[in-house]
C-alpha atoms as a PDB file:
ATOM      1  CA  MET A   1     145.422 260.313 183.848  1.00  0.00           C
ATOM      2  CA  ASP A   2     148.652 258.359 184.116  1.00  0.00           C
ATOM      3  CA  ARG A   3     149.940 258.278 187.669  1.00  0.00           C
ATOM      4  CA  LYS A   4     153.430 259.025 186.600  1.00  0.00           C
ATOM      5  CA  LYS A   5     152.328 262.246 184.923  1.00  0.00           C
ATOM      6  CA  VAL A   6     150.457 263.318 188.044  1.00  0.00           C
ATOM      7  CA  VAL A   7     153.591 262.900 190.174  1.00  0.00           C
ATOM      8  CA  LEU A   8     155.670 264.966 187.660  1.00  0.00           C
ATOM      9  CA  LEU A   9     153.077 267.737 187.697  1.00  0.00           C
ATOM     10  CA  VAL A  10     152.908 267.951 191.518  1.00  0.00           C
ATOM     11  CA  ALA A  11     156.756 267.984 191.652  1.00  0.00           C
ATOM     12  CA  ALA A  12     156.871 270.880 189.146  1.00  0.00           C
ATOM     13  CA  LEU A  13     154.425 272.877 191.150  1.00  0.00           C
ATOM     14  CA  LEU A  14     156.430 272.322 194.328  1.00  0.00           C
ATOM     15  CA  ILE A  15     159.632 273.453 192.579  1.00  0.00           C
ATOM     16  CA  ALA A  16     157.902 276.617 191.257  1.00  0.00           C
ATOM     17  CA  VAL A  17     156.587 277.489 194.702  1.00  0.00           C
ATOM     18  CA  ILE A  18     159.970 276.973 196.309  1.00  0.00           C
ATOM     19  CA  THR A  19     161.734 279.109 193.624  1.00  0.00           C
ATOM     20  CA  ALA A  20     159.262 281.915 194.106  1.00  0.00           C
ATOM     21  CA  PHE A  21     159.704 281.895 197.879  1.00  0.00           C
ATOM     22  CA  MET A  22     163.536 281.935 197.530  1.00  0.00           C
ATOM     23  CA  ALA A  23     163.393 284.807 195.065  1.00  0.00           C
ATOM     24  CA  ARG A  24     161.092 286.829 197.417  1.00  0.00           C
ATOM     25  CA  SER A  25     163.521 286.298 200.273  1.00  0.00           C
ATOM     26  CA  MET A  26     166.439 287.364 198.241  1.00  0.00           C
ATOM     27  CA  PHE A  27     164.783 290.707 197.119  1.00  0.00           C
ATOM     28  CA  THR A  28     163.571 291.402 200.654  1.00  0.00           C
ATOM     29  CA  GLY A  29     166.975 290.767 202.059  1.00  0.00           C
ATOM     30  CA  ALA A  30     168.628 293.014 199.508  1.00  0.00           C
ATOM     31  CA  SER A  31     166.355 295.998 200.140  1.00  0.00           C
ATOM     32  CA  ALA A  32     167.146 296.135 203.843  1.00  0.00           C
ATOM     33  CA  PRO A  33     170.808 296.893 203.454  1.00  0.00           C
ATOM     34  CA  GLN A  34     169.947 299.700 200.946  1.00  0.00           C
ATOM     35  CA  ALA A  35     167.575 301.265 203.351  1.00  0.00           C
ATOM     36  CA  GLU A  36     170.110 300.998 206.104  1.00  0.00           C
ATOM     37  CA  ALA A  37     172.794 302.519 203.846  1.00  0.00           C
ATOM     38  CA  ALA A  38     170.483 305.425 202.802  1.00  0.00           C
ATOM     39  CA  GLN A  39     169.599 306.025 206.434  1.00  0.00           C
ATOM     40  CA  ALA A  40     173.276 305.991 207.436  1.00  0.00           C
ATOM     41  CA  SER A  41     174.143 308.582 204.731  1.00  0.00           C
ATOM     42  CA  VAL A  42     172.072 311.335 206.357  1.00  0.00           C
ATOM     43  CA  PRO A  43     174.496 313.725 208.100  1.00  0.00           C
ATOM     44  CA  THR A  44     174.254 313.641 211.877  1.00  0.00           C
ATOM     45  CA  GLY A  45     176.745 316.472 212.641  1.00  0.00           C
ATOM     46  CA  PRO A  46     175.986 320.038 213.742  1.00  0.00           C
ATOM     47  CA  LYS A  47     173.591 322.188 211.725  1.00  0.00           C
ATOM     48  CA  ILE A  48     175.190 324.965 209.647  1.00  0.00           C
ATOM     49  CA  LEU A  49     173.785 327.822 207.605  1.00  0.00           C
ATOM     50  CA  VAL A  50     173.337 327.060 203.851  1.00  0.00           C
ATOM     51  CA  ALA A  51     171.711 328.908 200.980  1.00  0.00           C
ATOM     52  CA  THR A  52     168.240 327.807 199.888  1.00  0.00           C
ATOM     53  CA  ARG A  53     168.790 329.269 196.428  1.00  0.00           C
ATOM     54  CA  VAL A  54     171.381 330.858 194.305  1.00  0.00           C
ATOM     55  CA  LEU A  55     172.578 334.158 196.021  1.00  0.00           C
ATOM     56  CA  PRO A  56     174.383 336.427 193.525  1.00  0.00           C
ATOM     57  CA  LEU A  57     176.683 339.188 194.656  1.00  0.00           C
ATOM     58  CA  GLY A  58     174.860 342.078 196.324  1.00  0.00           C
ATOM     59  CA  THR A  59     171.817 339.932 197.375  1.00  0.00           C
ATOM     60  CA  LEU A  60     170.024 341.161 200.535  1.00  0.00           C
ATOM     61  CA  ILE A  61     169.543 338.265 202.972  1.00  0.00           C
ATOM     62  CA  THR A  62     165.927 337.556 203.847  1.00  0.00           C
ATOM     63  CA  ALA A  63     164.339 334.806 206.048  1.00  0.00           C
ATOM     64  CA  ASP A  64     163.732 332.507 203.047  1.00  0.00           C
ATOM     65  CA  SER A  65     167.290 332.940 201.630  1.00  0.00           C
ATOM     66  CA  VAL A  66     169.005 330.585 204.111  1.00  0.00           C
ATOM     67  CA  ARG A  67     168.282 327.624 206.429  1.00  0.00           C
ATOM     68  CA  PHE A  68     170.196 325.533 208.934  1.00  0.00           C
ATOM     69  CA  GLN A  69     170.983 321.993 207.711  1.00  0.00           C
ATOM     70  CA  PRO A  70     172.853 319.098 209.317  1.00  0.00           C
ATOM     71  CA  TRP A  71     176.453 318.779 208.035  1.00  0.00           C
ATOM     72  CA  PRO A  72     179.073 316.019 208.416  1.00  0.00           C
ATOM     73  CA  LYS A  73     181.064 316.801 211.569  1.00  0.00           C
ATOM     74  CA  GLU A  74     184.438 316.171 209.902  1.00  0.00           C
ATOM     75  CA  LEU A  75     183.653 318.743 207.095  1.00  0.00           C
ATOM     76  CA  VAL A  76     182.536 321.643 209.322  1.00  0.00           C
ATOM     77  CA  GLN A  77     184.891 324.638 209.010  1.00  0.00           C
ATOM     78  CA  SER A  78     185.414 327.257 211.685  1.00  0.00           C
ATOM     79  CA  ALA A  79     184.138 329.977 209.238  1.00  0.00           C
ATOM     80  CA  TYR A  80     180.672 328.402 208.979  1.00  0.00           C
ATOM     81  CA  PHE A  81     177.654 329.719 210.831  1.00  0.00           C
ATOM     82  CA  LYS A  82     176.754 326.962 213.307  1.00  0.00           C
ATOM     83  CA  GLU A  83     173.400 326.827 214.954  1.00  0.00           C
ATOM     84  CA  GLY A  84     173.567 327.388 218.633  1.00  0.00           C
ATOM     85  CA  ASP A  85     176.711 329.553 218.531  1.00  0.00           C
ATOM     86  CA  LYS A  86     176.488 332.924 220.228  1.00  0.00           C
ATOM     87  CA  GLY A  87     174.837 335.576 218.018  1.00  0.00           C
ATOM     88  CA  VAL A  88     174.192 333.110 215.169  1.00  0.00           C
ATOM     89  CA  SER A  89     170.565 333.107 214.086  1.00  0.00           C
ATOM     90  CA  ILE A  90     168.598 333.711 210.838  1.00  0.00           C
ATOM     91  CA  ASP A  91     166.979 336.762 212.391  1.00  0.00           C
ATOM     92  CA  ALA A  92     170.355 338.306 213.156  1.00  0.00           C
ATOM     93  CA  LEU A  93     171.540 337.840 209.645  1.00  0.00           C
ATOM     94  CA  ILE A  94     168.443 339.367 207.913  1.00  0.00           C
ATOM     95  CA  GLY A  95     169.575 342.572 206.201  1.00  0.00           C
ATOM     96  CA  THR A  96     173.134 341.463 205.548  1.00  0.00           C
ATOM     97  CA  VAL A  97     174.477 341.508 202.030  1.00  0.00           C
ATOM     98  CA  VAL A  98     176.179 338.734 200.068  1.00  0.00           C
ATOM     99  CA  ARG A  99     179.814 339.798 199.305  1.00  0.00           C
ATOM    100  CA  ASN A 100     180.687 336.670 197.285  1.00  0.00           C
ATOM    101  CA  ALA A 101     178.274 334.707 195.104  1.00  0.00           C
ATOM    102  CA  VAL A 102     176.886 331.598 196.784  1.00  0.00           C
ATOM    103  CA  THR A 103     175.231 328.592 195.012  1.00  0.00           C
ATOM    104  CA  ALA A 104     172.157 326.686 196.315  1.00  0.00           C
ATOM    105  CA  GLY A 105     173.063 324.366 199.187  1.00  0.00           C
ATOM    106  CA  GLN A 106     176.437 325.843 199.740  1.00  0.00           C
ATOM    107  CA  PRO A 107     177.429 326.796 203.252  1.00  0.00           C
ATOM    108  CA  LEU A 108     177.740 330.507 204.040  1.00  0.00           C
ATOM    109  CA  THR A 109     180.909 331.674 205.670  1.00  0.00           C
ATOM    110  CA  GLN A 110     181.675 334.603 207.995  1.00  0.00           C
ATOM    111  CA  GLY A 111     183.417 336.468 205.151  1.00  0.00           C
ATOM    112  CA  SER A 112     180.694 336.026 202.571  1.00  0.00           C
ATOM    113  CA  LEU A 113     178.250 338.389 204.301  1.00  0.00           C
ATOM    114  CA  VAL A 114     178.587 342.056 205.155  1.00  0.00           C
ATOM    115  CA  LYS A 115     176.535 343.660 207.937  1.00  0.00           C
ATOM    116  CA  PRO A 116     174.963 347.107 207.738  1.00  0.00           C
ATOM    117  CA  GLY A 117     177.478 349.619 209.084  1.00  0.00           C
ATOM    118  CA  ASP A 118     180.479 347.526 208.171  1.00  0.00           C
ATOM    119  CA  ARG A 119     183.053 348.939 205.786  1.00  0.00           C
ATOM    120  CA  GLY A 120     182.176 348.069 202.190  1.00  0.00           C
ATOM    121  CA  PHE A 121     178.521 347.274 202.939  1.00  0.00           C
ATOM    122  CA  LEU A 122     177.106 349.791 200.458  1.00  0.00           C
ATOM    123  CA  ALA A 123     179.534 348.832 197.784  1.00  0.00           C
ATOM    124  CA  ALA A 124     178.584 345.124 198.222  1.00  0.00           C
ATOM    125  CA  ALA A 125     174.908 345.900 198.104  1.00  0.00           C
ATOM    126  CA  LEU A 126     175.237 347.534 194.639  1.00  0.00           C
ATOM    127  CA  GLY A 127     174.563 345.460 191.545  1.00  0.00           C
ATOM    128  CA  LEU A 128     177.049 345.019 188.720  1.00  0.00           C
ATOM    129  CA  GLY A 129     177.609 348.386 186.972  1.00  0.00           C
ATOM    130  CA  MET A 130     175.208 350.257 189.316  1.00  0.00           C
ATOM    131  CA  ARG A 131     175.863 353.427 191.362  1.00  0.00           C
ATOM    132  CA  ALA A 132     174.579 354.746 194.736  1.00  0.00           C
ATOM    133  CA  VAL A 133     172.927 358.207 194.599  1.00  0.00           C
ATOM    134  CA  THR A 134     171.579 360.121 197.613  1.00  0.00           C
ATOM    135  CA  VAL A 135     168.527 362.285 197.281  1.00  0.00           C
ATOM    136  CA  PRO A 136     167.409 364.846 199.977  1.00  0.00           C
ATOM    137  CA  VAL A 137     163.801 364.439 200.996  1.00  0.00           C
ATOM    138  CA  SER A 138     161.392 365.662 203.647  1.00  0.00           C
ATOM    139  CA  GLY A 139     158.278 364.348 205.354  1.00  0.00           C
ATOM    140  CA  LEU A 140     156.269 365.607 202.371  1.00  0.00           C
ATOM    141  CA  THR A 141     158.548 364.374 199.529  1.00  0.00           C
ATOM    142  CA  GLY A 142     159.610 361.148 201.309  1.00  0.00           C
ATOM    143  CA  VAL A 143     156.130 359.458 201.586  1.00  0.00           C
ATOM    144  CA  ALA A 144     156.062 360.522 205.306  1.00  0.00           C
ATOM    145  CA  GLY A 145     158.773 357.995 206.255  1.00  0.00           C
ATOM    146  CA  PHE A 146     157.011 354.957 204.759  1.00  0.00           C
ATOM    147  CA  VAL A 147     159.802 354.059 202.399  1.00  0.00           C
ATOM    148  CA  PHE A 148     162.294 351.483 203.761  1.00  0.00           C
ATOM    149  CA  PRO A 149     165.508 349.908 202.449  1.00  0.00           C
ATOM    150  CA  GLY A 150     164.550 347.283 199.912  1.00  0.00           C
ATOM    151  CA  ASP A 151     161.530 349.096 198.573  1.00  0.00           C
ATOM    152  CA  ARG A 152     161.315 350.368 194.987  1.00  0.00           C
ATOM    153  CA  VAL A 153     160.423 353.968 194.131  1.00  0.00           C
ATOM    154  CA  ASP A 154     160.022 356.363 191.237  1.00  0.00           C
ATOM    155  CA  LEU A 155     161.538 359.831 191.273  1.00  0.00           C
ATOM    156  CA  VAL A 156     159.323 362.762 190.409  1.00  0.00           C
ATOM    157  CA  LEU A 157     160.818 366.195 189.610  1.00  0.00           C
ATOM    158  CA  THR A 158     158.725 369.333 190.210  1.00  0.00           C
ATOM    159  CA  GLN A 159     159.884 372.624 188.732  1.00  0.00           C
ATOM    160  CA  THR A 160     158.665 376.023 187.615  1.00  0.00           C
ATOM    161  CA  VAL A 161     159.473 377.122 184.034  1.00  0.00           C
ATOM    162  CA  ASN A 162     159.457 380.945 183.727  1.00  0.00           C
ATOM    163  CA  ALA A 163     157.818 382.572 180.723  1.00  0.00           C
ATOM    164  CA  THR A 164     158.588 385.877 178.997  1.00  0.00           C
ATOM    165  CA  ASN A 165     154.928 386.639 178.857  1.00  0.00           C
ATOM    166  CA  GLY A 166     152.170 385.294 181.116  1.00  0.00           C
ATOM    167  CA  PRO A 167     152.395 383.173 184.185  1.00  0.00           C
ATOM    168  CA  ALA A 168     155.086 380.563 184.721  1.00  0.00           C
ATOM    169  CA  LEU A 169     154.534 376.898 183.937  1.00  0.00           C
ATOM    170  CA  LYS A 170     154.206 374.543 186.915  1.00  0.00           C
ATOM    171  CA  VAL A 171     155.110 371.025 185.978  1.00  0.00           C
ATOM    172  CA  SER A 172     156.019 367.629 187.597  1.00  0.00           C
ATOM    173  CA  GLU A 173     157.750 364.839 185.688  1.00  0.00           C
ATOM    174  CA  THR A 174     158.616 361.229 186.490  1.00  0.00           C
ATOM    175  CA  ILE A 175     162.261 361.133 185.482  1.00  0.00           C
ATOM    176  CA  VAL A 176     163.278 357.544 186.549  1.00  0.00           C
ATOM    177  CA  ARG A 177     161.349 354.470 187.648  1.00  0.00           C
ATOM    178  CA  ASN A 178     161.832 351.284 189.655  1.00  0.00           C
ATOM    179  CA  LEU A 179     164.854 352.380 191.697  1.00  0.00           C
ATOM    180  CA  ARG A 180     165.847 350.129 194.694  1.00  0.00           C
ATOM    181  CA  VAL A 181     166.210 351.927 197.971  1.00  0.00           C
ATOM    182  CA  LEU A 182     169.587 351.089 199.570  1.00  0.00           C
ATOM    183  CA  ALA A 183     169.379 353.147 202.720  1.00  0.00           C
ATOM    184  CA  THR A 184     167.500 355.905 204.567  1.00  0.00           C
ATOM    185  CA  ASP A 185     169.860 358.384 206.243  1.00  0.00           C
ATOM    186  CA  GLN A 186     172.645 356.094 207.520  1.00  0.00           C
ATOM    187  CA  ARG A 187     170.339 353.046 208.115  1.00  0.00           C
ATOM    188  CA  ALA A 188     170.481 350.145 205.609  1.00  0.00           C
ATOM    189  CA  THR A 189     167.857 348.144 207.524  1.00  0.00           C
ATOM    190  CA  PRO A 190     164.461 349.166 208.969  1.00  0.00           C
ATOM    191  CA  THR A 191     164.337 350.183 212.648  1.00  0.00           C
ATOM    192  CA  LEU A 192     162.373 347.637 214.778  1.00  0.00           C
ATOM    193  CA  ASP A 193     160.709 348.011 218.134  1.00  0.00           C
ATOM    194  CA  ASP A 194     160.653 345.595 221.052  1.00  0.00           C
ATOM    195  CA  LYS A 195     157.951 343.502 219.377  1.00  0.00           C
ATOM    196  CA  GLY A 196     159.725 343.274 216.069  1.00  0.00           C
ATOM    197  CA  ASN A 197     157.466 345.730 214.306  1.00  0.00           C
ATOM    198  CA  THR A 198     158.918 348.244 211.800  1.00  0.00           C
ATOM    199  CA  VAL A 199     159.068 351.715 213.180  1.00  0.00           C
ATOM    200  CA  VAL A 200     158.095 354.556 210.861  1.00  0.00           C
ATOM    201  CA  THR A 201     160.642 357.390 211.162  1.00  0.00           C
ATOM    202  CA  GLU A 202     161.229 360.534 209.128  1.00  0.00           C
ATOM    203  CA  TYR A 203     164.584 360.945 207.429  1.00  0.00           C
ATOM    204  CA  LYS A 204     166.298 363.553 205.378  1.00  0.00           C
ATOM    205  CA  LEU A 205     168.322 361.470 202.912  1.00  0.00           C
ATOM    206  CA  VAL A 206     167.475 358.486 200.746  1.00  0.00           C
ATOM    207  CA  THR A 207     170.126 356.511 198.920  1.00  0.00           C
ATOM    208  CA  VAL A 208     168.962 354.666 195.761  1.00  0.00           C
ATOM    209  CA  GLU A 209     170.611 352.391 193.225  1.00  0.00           C
ATOM    210  CA  ALA A 210     170.809 353.687 189.672  1.00  0.00           C
ATOM    211  CA  THR A 211     172.759 353.250 186.460  1.00  0.00           C
ATOM    212  CA  PRO A 212     175.572 355.825 185.748  1.00  0.00           C
ATOM    213  CA  ARG A 213     173.363 357.640 183.142  1.00  0.00           C
ATOM    214  CA  MET A 214     170.452 357.884 185.700  1.00  0.00           C
ATOM    215  CA  ALA A 215     172.792 359.068 188.365  1.00  0.00           C
ATOM    216  CA  GLU A 216     173.740 361.975 186.110  1.00  0.00           C
ATOM    217  CA  LYS A 217     170.072 362.860 185.491  1.00  0.00           C
ATOM    218  CA  ILE A 218     169.269 362.646 189.212  1.00  0.00           C
ATOM    219  CA  ALA A 219     172.197 365.037 189.984  1.00  0.00           C
ATOM    220  CA  VAL A 220     170.998 367.526 187.442  1.00  0.00           C
ATOM    221  CA  ALA A 221     167.368 367.258 188.622  1.00  0.00           C
ATOM    222  CA  GLN A 222     168.355 368.246 192.103  1.00  0.00           C
ATOM    223  CA  SER A 223     169.548 371.605 190.806  1.00  0.00           C
ATOM    224  CA  ILE A 224     166.407 372.160 188.647  1.00  0.00           C
ATOM    225  CA  GLY A 225     163.643 371.654 191.249  1.00  0.00           C
ATOM    226  CA  THR A 226     162.327 369.467 193.934  1.00  0.00           C
ATOM    227  CA  ILE A 227     162.567 365.691 193.839  1.00  0.00           C
ATOM    228  CA  SER A 228     159.775 363.608 195.447  1.00  0.00           C
ATOM    229  CA  LEU A 229     159.624 359.791 196.039  1.00  0.00           C
ATOM    230  CA  SER A 230     156.747 357.839 194.593  1.00  0.00           C
ATOM    231  CA  LEU A 231     156.493 354.416 196.346  1.00  0.00           C
ATOM    232  CA  ARG A 232     155.801 351.478 194.010  1.00  0.00           C
ATOM    233  CA  ALA A 233     153.473 348.561 194.767  1.00  0.00           C
ATOM    234  CA  LEU A 234     154.871 345.051 194.656  1.00  0.00           C
ATOM    235  CA  THR A 235     152.528 344.138 191.791  1.00  0.00           C
ATOM    236  CA  ASP A 236     153.810 346.973 189.610  1.00  0.00           C
ATOM    237  CA  ASN A 237     156.938 344.966 188.728  1.00  0.00           C
ATOM    238  CA  ALA A 238     154.802 342.020 187.514  1.00  0.00           C
ATOM    239  CA  ALA A 239     152.601 344.339 185.376  1.00  0.00           C
ATOM    240  CA  GLU A 240     155.648 345.967 183.777  1.00  0.00           C
ATOM    241  CA  LEU A 241     157.119 342.475 183.282  1.00  0.00           C
ATOM    242  CA  GLU A 242     154.026 341.478 181.299  1.00  0.00           C
ATOM    243  CA  MET A 243     154.263 344.633 179.187  1.00  0.00           C
ATOM    244  CA  ALA A 244     157.946 343.979 178.438  1.00  0.00           C
ATOM    245  CA  MET A 245     157.112 340.413 177.379  1.00  0.00           C
ATOM    246  CA  ALA A 246     154.290 341.577 175.127  1.00  0.00           C
ATOM    247  CA  SER A 247     156.509 344.205 173.461  1.00  0.00           C
ATOM    248  CA  GLY A 248     159.315 341.773 172.872  1.00  0.00           C
ATOM    249  CA  GLU A 249     161.862 343.444 175.169  1.00  0.00           C
ATOM    250  CA  ILE A 250     162.546 340.170 176.928  1.00  0.00           C
ATOM    251  CA  SER A 251     164.644 337.757 174.950  1.00  0.00           C
ATOM    252  CA  ILE A 252     164.723 334.196 176.350  1.00  0.00           C
ATOM    253  CA  PRO A 253     167.104 331.872 174.470  1.00  0.00           C
ATOM    254  CA  GLU A 254     165.821 328.668 173.075  1.00  0.00           C
ATOM    255  CA  GLY A 255     166.322 325.620 175.229  1.00  0.00           C
ATOM    256  CA  ALA A 256     166.508 327.619 178.429  1.00  0.00           C
ATOM    257  CA  THR A 257     165.538 325.791 181.606  1.00  0.00           C
ATOM    258  CA  ALA A 258     162.765 326.977 183.948  1.00  0.00           C
ATOM    259  CA  GLU A 259     165.380 328.283 186.422  1.00  0.00           C
ATOM    260  CA  GLN A 260     167.172 330.228 183.625  1.00  0.00           C
ATOM    261  CA  GLU A 261     163.967 331.688 182.390  1.00  0.00           C
ATOM    262  CA  GLN A 262     162.937 332.718 185.839  1.00  0.00           C
ATOM    263  CA  ALA A 263     166.319 334.338 186.463  1.00  0.00           C
ATOM    264  CA  ILE A 264     166.051 336.370 183.242  1.00  0.00           C
ATOM    265  CA  MET A 265     162.522 337.501 184.081  1.00  0.00           C
ATOM    266  CA  GLN A 266     163.546 338.426 187.614  1.00  0.00           C
ATOM    267  CA  GLN A 267     166.499 340.495 186.324  1.00  0.00           C
ATOM    268  CA  VAL A 268     164.166 342.431 183.896  1.00  0.00           C
ATOM    269  CA  ALA A 269     161.589 343.086 186.685  1.00  0.00           C
ATOM    270  CA  GLN A 270     164.245 344.626 188.893  1.00  0.00           C
ATOM    271  CA  ARG A 271     165.835 346.718 186.188  1.00  0.00           C
ATOM    272  CA  PRO A 272     165.381 350.569 186.623  1.00  0.00           C
ATOM    273  CA  SER A 273     164.061 352.501 183.698  1.00  0.00           C
ATOM    274  CA  ALA A 274     164.301 356.052 182.478  1.00  0.00           C
ATOM    275  CA  SER A 275     162.815 355.664 179.004  1.00  0.00           C
ATOM    276  CA  ARG A 276     159.165 356.286 179.569  1.00  0.00           C
ATOM    277  CA  SER A 277     158.892 359.780 181.028  1.00  0.00           C
ATOM    278  CA  THR A 278     155.460 361.147 181.969  1.00  0.00           C
ATOM    279  CA  TYR A 279     154.467 364.616 183.180  1.00  0.00           C
ATOM    280  CA  ALA A 280     151.601 366.684 184.448  1.00  0.00           C
ATOM    281  CA  THR A 281     151.245 370.480 184.141  1.00  0.00           C
ATOM    282  CA  GLY A 282     149.485 373.081 186.255  1.00  0.00           C
ATOM    283  CA  GLY A 283     146.759 373.164 183.538  1.00  0.00           C
ATOM    284  CA  ASP A 284     145.959 369.511 184.255  1.00  0.00           C
ATOM    285  CA  VAL A 285     145.132 370.522 187.844  1.00  0.00           C
ATOM    286  CA  SER A 286     143.628 373.899 187.577  1.00  0.00           C
ATOM    287  CA  ARG A 287     142.085 375.829 184.691  1.00  0.00           C
ATOM    288  CA  PHE A 288     143.886 378.962 185.913  1.00  0.00           C
ATOM    289  CA  GLN A 289     147.332 377.453 185.269  1.00  0.00           C
ATOM    290  CA  ARG A 290     149.269 377.019 182.061  1.00  0.00           C
ATOM    291  CA  SER A 291     149.206 373.769 180.190  1.00  0.00           C
ATOM    292  CA  SER A 292     151.928 374.302 177.637  1.00  0.00           C
ATOM    293  CA  VAL A 293     155.696 375.105 177.794  1.00  0.00           C
ATOM    294  CA  PRO A 294     156.257 378.927 177.598  1.00  0.00           C
ATOM    295  CA  ALA A 295     157.931 380.129 174.450  1.00  0.00           C
ATOM    296  CA  GLN A 296     161.616 380.743 175.117  1.00  0.00           C
ATOM    297  CA  MET A 297     163.052 384.162 173.990  1.00  0.00           C
ATOM    298  CA  PRO A 298     166.121 383.778 171.676  1.00  0.00           C
ATOM    299  CA  LEU A 299     169.337 385.156 172.989  1.00  0.00           C
ATOM    300  CA  ALA A 300     169.659 387.863 170.301  1.00  0.00           C
ATOM    301  CA  VAL A 301     166.170 389.079 171.032  1.00  0.00           C
ATOM    302  CA  ALA A 302     166.756 389.060 174.748  1.00  0.00           C
ATOM    303  CA  ALA A 303     170.017 391.081 174.357  1.00  0.00           C
ATOM    304  CA  GLU A 304     168.243 393.668 172.118  1.00  0.00           C
ATOM    305  CA  ALA A 305     165.429 393.977 174.589  1.00  0.00           C
ATOM    306  CA  ALA A 306     167.959 394.663 177.383  1.00  0.00           C
ATOM    307  CA  ARG A 307     169.686 397.346 175.450  1.00  0.00           C
ATOM    308  CA  THR A 308     166.280 398.941 174.626  1.00  0.00           C
ATOM    309  CA  GLN A 309     165.313 398.871 178.263  1.00  0.00           C
ATOM    310  CA  LYS A 310     168.551 400.643 179.279  1.00  0.00           C
ATOM    311  CA  GLN A 311     167.984 403.280 176.618  1.00  0.00           C
ATOM    312  CA  VAL A 312     164.447 403.895 177.925  1.00  0.00           C
ATOM    313  CA  GLU A 313     165.705 404.216 181.449  1.00  0.00           C
ATOM    314  CA  LYS A 314     168.353 406.650 180.299  1.00  0.00           C
ATOM    315  CA  ILE A 315     165.837 408.827 178.499  1.00  0.00           C
ATOM    316  CA  THR A 316     163.329 408.875 181.217  1.00  0.00           C
ATOM    317  CA  LYS A 317     165.913 409.443 183.863  1.00  0.00           C
ATOM    318  CA  GLY A 318     166.013 412.970 185.383  1.00  0.00           C
ATOM    319  CA  PRO A 319     169.053 415.166 186.007  1.00  0.00           C
ATOM    320  CA  VAL A 320     171.709 413.624 188.079  1.00  0.00           C
ATOM    321  CA  VAL A 321     173.884 415.343 190.609  1.00  0.00           C
ATOM    322  CA  ARG A 322     177.182 413.735 191.654  1.00  0.00           C
ATOM    323  CA  VAL A 323     177.936 414.009 195.390  1.00  0.00           C
ATOM    324  CA  SER A 324     181.398 413.320 196.770  1.00  0.00           C
ATOM    325  CA  ARG A 325     181.686 412.349 200.464  1.00  0.00           C
ATOM    326  CA  GLY A 326     185.069 411.353 201.791  1.00  0.00           C
ATOM    327  CA  GLY A 327     186.222 410.162 198.452  1.00  0.00           C
ATOM    328  CA  ASN A 328     183.030 408.206 197.671  1.00  0.00           C
ATOM    329  CA  VAL A 329     181.099 409.537 194.663  1.00  0.00           C
ATOM    330  CA  THR A 330     177.410 408.803 194.466  1.00  0.00           C
ATOM    331  CA  GLU A 331     174.768 409.888 191.895  1.00  0.00           C
ATOM    332  CA  VAL A 332     171.524 411.460 193.134  1.00  0.00           C
ATOM    333  CA  GLU A 333     168.684 411.729 190.627  1.00  0.00           C
ATOM    334  CA  ILE A 334     166.625 414.912 190.758  1.00  0.00           C
ATOM    335  CA  SER A 335     163.031 414.161 189.918  1.00  0.00           C
ATOM    336  CA  ARG A 336     161.320 416.225 187.153  1.00  0.00           C
ATOM    337  CA  ARG A 337     158.286 418.233 187.953  1.00  0.00           C
END
């Protein structure tokens, strides 16, 4: 090979090696400032309380709803919940209700939460268009005190339907389903002992969340018979959600994101229902009880029967003697022999 060509080839290789080395040094040097800038952008100020997810109006704060996160010192407001302040902790805020809607990652302020017992707490805990209804219960009808605020229950009405002939009909009927419990007596949060365990206590009143139409039905039901609580399992909502999806009750718009779809499904799962009413009669429990609704006597027939009864009593009634004592006149029937 020509000596001149060899020299040119070696020179080209050296230039390529030097160029690659310089390029590597440039990229390495450029990445270091980026890493330093990214590291410098992490807030180093005090930790404040922020929402871990979207918290609509009326949301009950749980342990996974909020967290403490570092925040730039110059952006910290006096209304924020700062970690380390007296009385500020996640445990102390569990059971409070969101008064104003909060987006994910947004700091919570002192005025955005309402504590149990504060004025407006129950109104803030209600969902849009919902009403609070109080139902009297006992140890027997209230699941022996094992229903707590935040649980979901069904309401069962037990009544006696009188019959014109034969025994009365004993019947129980589930009138509304999937109602959220807002409070038991005047407590909107469960009572805890020294170890943090929930204390089971009996109560006389249970306040539930219902639609206006359901509130009317519950008010009437209290005058008809006895209302009992039926505690729902957590998995019941998932099962009814699957039934609603299969029947086409849930309508998810096309192009909805995963978060929007989850929000729609969660709203349906937490919706109370009064459409599917089920019942059981005394005949379903005992062969000696009725299993059908007694025939109701028409008003005209009932009036005629009453007149006939009075006439019979008048005919069979014996002689009557009127006795006057001090201006008071009484009738004394003389029995026939």
